Amino acid sequence: MDVLFSGGMLWDAAAAAPRPGELRVSGQRTAAVSFGAALPREGATVVNAAGATLMPGLVDVHSHVSFPP
């Protein structure tokens, strides 16, 4: 199943800051990224990503680790 995220901000490793774009995921893999033209909607569930920042190919490794005193 393909999912297309539209209307959000995308942040990739090449950009200094998030920018508007679309992301298409097929299965568990990034299938397409666009920073201009709309991606094809055929065969995809479209998700309105307004207000979200997506990071295709990047992992947020931020964590809080606490140890007992």
Protein backbone atom coordinates (compact mmCIF):
# COMPACT_ATOMS: atom_id res chain seq x y z
CA MET A 1 0.00 0.00 0.00
CA ASP A 2 1.27 3.47 -0.90
CA VAL A 3 0.77 6.51 1.30
CA LEU A 4 1.27 10.06 0.05
CA PHE A 5 1.92 12.79 2.62
CA SER A 6 0.94 16.20 1.26
CA GLY A 7 0.84 19.71 2.67
CA GLY A 8 3.62 19.27 5.22
CA MET A 9 7.19 20.39 5.55
CA LEU A 10 10.01 18.06 4.50
CA TRP A 11 13.49 18.13 5.96
CA ASP A 12 16.18 16.13 4.21
CA ALA A 13 19.90 15.92 4.78
CA ALA A 14 20.61 18.34 1.90
CA ALA A 15 18.54 21.25 3.23
CA ALA A 16 19.41 23.72 5.97
CA ALA A 17 15.74 23.98 7.01
CA PRO A 18 12.39 22.27 6.35
CA ARG A 19 10.61 23.25 3.15
CA PRO A 20 7.19 22.49 1.63
CA GLY A 21 7.00 19.21 -0.25
CA GLU A 22 5.35 15.85 -0.75
CA LEU A 23 6.48 12.38 0.28
CA ARG A 24 5.28 9.05 -1.13
CA VAL A 25 5.94 5.86 0.84
CA SER A 26 5.52 2.39 -0.64
CA GLY A 27 5.51 -0.35 1.98
CA GLN A 28 8.26 0.69 4.38
CA ARG A 29 10.37 2.59 1.85
CA THR A 30 10.46 6.13 0.54
CA ALA A 31 9.25 5.91 -3.05
CA ALA A 32 9.35 9.59 -4.07
CA VAL A 33 10.00 13.07 -2.72
CA SER A 34 8.99 16.29 -4.44
CA PHE A 35 9.74 19.91 -3.55
CA GLY A 36 7.62 21.50 -6.26
CA ALA A 37 5.42 19.47 -8.55
CA ALA A 38 2.66 17.36 -7.03
CA LEU A 39 3.32 13.63 -6.91
CA PRO A 40 0.85 11.24 -8.59
CA ARG A 41 -2.10 10.33 -6.34
CA GLU A 42 -3.17 7.18 -8.19
CA GLY A 43 -3.06 4.09 -5.97
CA ALA A 44 -2.11 6.02 -2.82
CA THR A 45 -3.87 6.94 0.39
CA VAL A 46 -3.39 10.70 0.71
CA VAL A 47 -2.61 12.04 4.19
CA ASN A 48 -2.92 15.76 4.94
CA ALA A 49 0.39 16.49 6.69
CA ALA A 50 -0.34 20.19 7.35
CA GLY A 51 1.43 21.25 10.53
CA ALA A 52 3.84 18.29 10.43
CA THR A 53 7.54 18.10 9.59
CA LEU A 54 8.57 14.87 7.86
CA MET A 55 12.19 13.68 7.70
CA PRO A 56 12.46 11.13 4.86
CA GLY A 57 15.47 8.90 5.33
CA LEU A 58 16.48 10.48 8.62
CA VAL A 59 16.07 9.09 12.12
CA ASP A 60 15.40 11.20 15.18
CA VAL A 61 17.74 9.64 17.74
CA HIS A 62 16.87 12.13 20.45
CA SER A 63 16.25 10.29 23.69
CA HIS A 64 16.27 10.82 27.42
CA VAL A 65 18.14 8.20 29.40
CA SER A 66 18.00 8.20 33.15
CA PHE A 67 19.87 6.02 35.56
CA PRO A 68 18.95 5.31 39.17
CA PRO A 69 20.92 7.50 41.64
